[in-house]
Every structure is written in structure tokens, then in C-alpha cells.
Amino acid sequence: MSDLTACGPQIWDLKTDQCVGALVESHVGMVFCVASDATKIVSTSHDATMAIQDCELLLPPS
């Protein structure tokens, strides 16, 4: 996971070093904690919000 872009957290394939998707924008503060399993990604942010996102709904890489 990476939160270094304006479009929000991105998901990277560590074997190919390629971005494979991005989370739907859901935080206005810096993301500081992420957990996932095969179906969901949970993130929390400095803005005191928590987001639960379905892995099937990831945005394509920009």
C-alpha cells in the first residue's frame, strides 16, 4: 500500500513493482493503518475515520 499520491492509497504488486489498483477515496487525512484479507481492506486515518472497502471494487491504476 502507498499513500504518496493525491488520488489516495494505492495497491502495488511487490513482484512486478507495478500499481495494480487504488482504493476509493475515503479519507481526507493521512492514512496510518491498513489491514486486509482476501475480500476486504480496512484503513484508518488521521482524520479519525475508518473505511472498509471490498477488494472487488478497487479502482484501476491511474
Protein backbone atom coordinates (compact mmCIF):
# COMPACT_ATOMS: atom_id res chain seq x y z
CA MET A 1 0.00 0.00 0.00
CA SER A 2 1.10 3.52 -0.68
CA ASP A 3 -0.45 6.85 0.29
CA LEU A 4 2.01 9.08 -1.55
CA THR A 5 -0.33 10.33 -4.25
CA ALA A 6 -3.24 12.74 -4.29
CA CYS A 7 -5.58 10.00 -5.52
CA GLY A 8 -5.36 8.06 -2.26
CA PRO A 9 -3.88 4.76 -1.20
CA GLN A 10 -2.64 2.54 -3.99
CA ILE A 11 -2.04 -1.22 -4.06
CA TRP A 12 1.26 -2.46 -5.50
CA ASP A 13 2.42 -5.84 -6.74
CA LEU A 14 5.76 -6.26 -4.99
CA LYS A 15 7.00 -8.82 -7.53
CA THR A 16 6.50 -6.55 -10.55
CA ASP A 17 6.74 -3.16 -8.78
CA GLN A 18 3.55 -2.09 -10.58
CA CYS A 19 0.45 -0.36 -9.23
CA VAL A 20 -2.47 -2.78 -9.56
CA GLY A 21 -5.27 -0.65 -8.14
CA ALA A 22 -6.31 2.18 -5.89
CA LEU A 23 -8.77 2.48 -3.06
CA VAL A 24 -11.83 4.63 -3.44
CA GLU A 25 -11.04 7.99 -1.84
CA SER A 26 -12.47 7.81 1.67
CA HIS A 27 -10.14 9.84 3.90
CA VAL A 28 -9.17 13.49 3.99
CA GLY A 29 -6.26 12.89 6.38
CA MET A 30 -3.14 10.77 6.02
CA VAL A 31 -3.82 7.01 6.15
CA PHE A 32 -1.85 5.48 9.00
CA CYS A 33 -3.13 1.92 9.39
CA VAL A 34 -4.22 -0.69 6.83
CA ALA A 35 -5.28 -4.32 7.23
CA SER A 36 -6.67 -6.73 4.66
CA ASP A 37 -7.77 -10.25 3.90
CA ALA A 38 -8.81 -11.84 0.61
CA THR A 39 -12.04 -9.83 0.37
CA LYS A 40 -11.81 -6.58 2.36
CA ILE A 41 -9.35 -3.74 3.02
CA VAL A 42 -9.74 -1.72 6.23
CA SER A 43 -7.98 1.61 6.64
CA THR A 44 -7.88 4.27 9.35
CA SER A 45 -6.79 7.85 9.00
CA HIS A 46 -5.52 10.88 10.87
CA ASP A 47 -8.95 12.44 10.22
CA ALA A 48 -10.43 9.90 12.74
CA THR A 49 -12.27 7.89 10.08
CA MET A 50 -12.23 4.19 9.26
CA ALA A 51 -13.03 2.79 5.81
CA ILE A 52 -13.91 -0.79 4.85
CA GLN A 53 -13.65 -1.48 1.13
CA ASP A 54 -14.40 -4.52 -0.98
CA CYS A 55 -11.34 -5.75 -2.91
CA GLU A 56 -13.52 -6.31 -5.99
CA LEU A 57 -14.35 -2.58 -6.11
CA LEU A 58 -10.78 -1.30 -6.41
CA LEU A 59 -10.25 1.49 -8.91
CA PRO A 60 -7.97 0.74 -11.87
CA PRO A 61 -4.48 2.26 -11.62
CA SER A 62 -4.28 5.84 -12.86
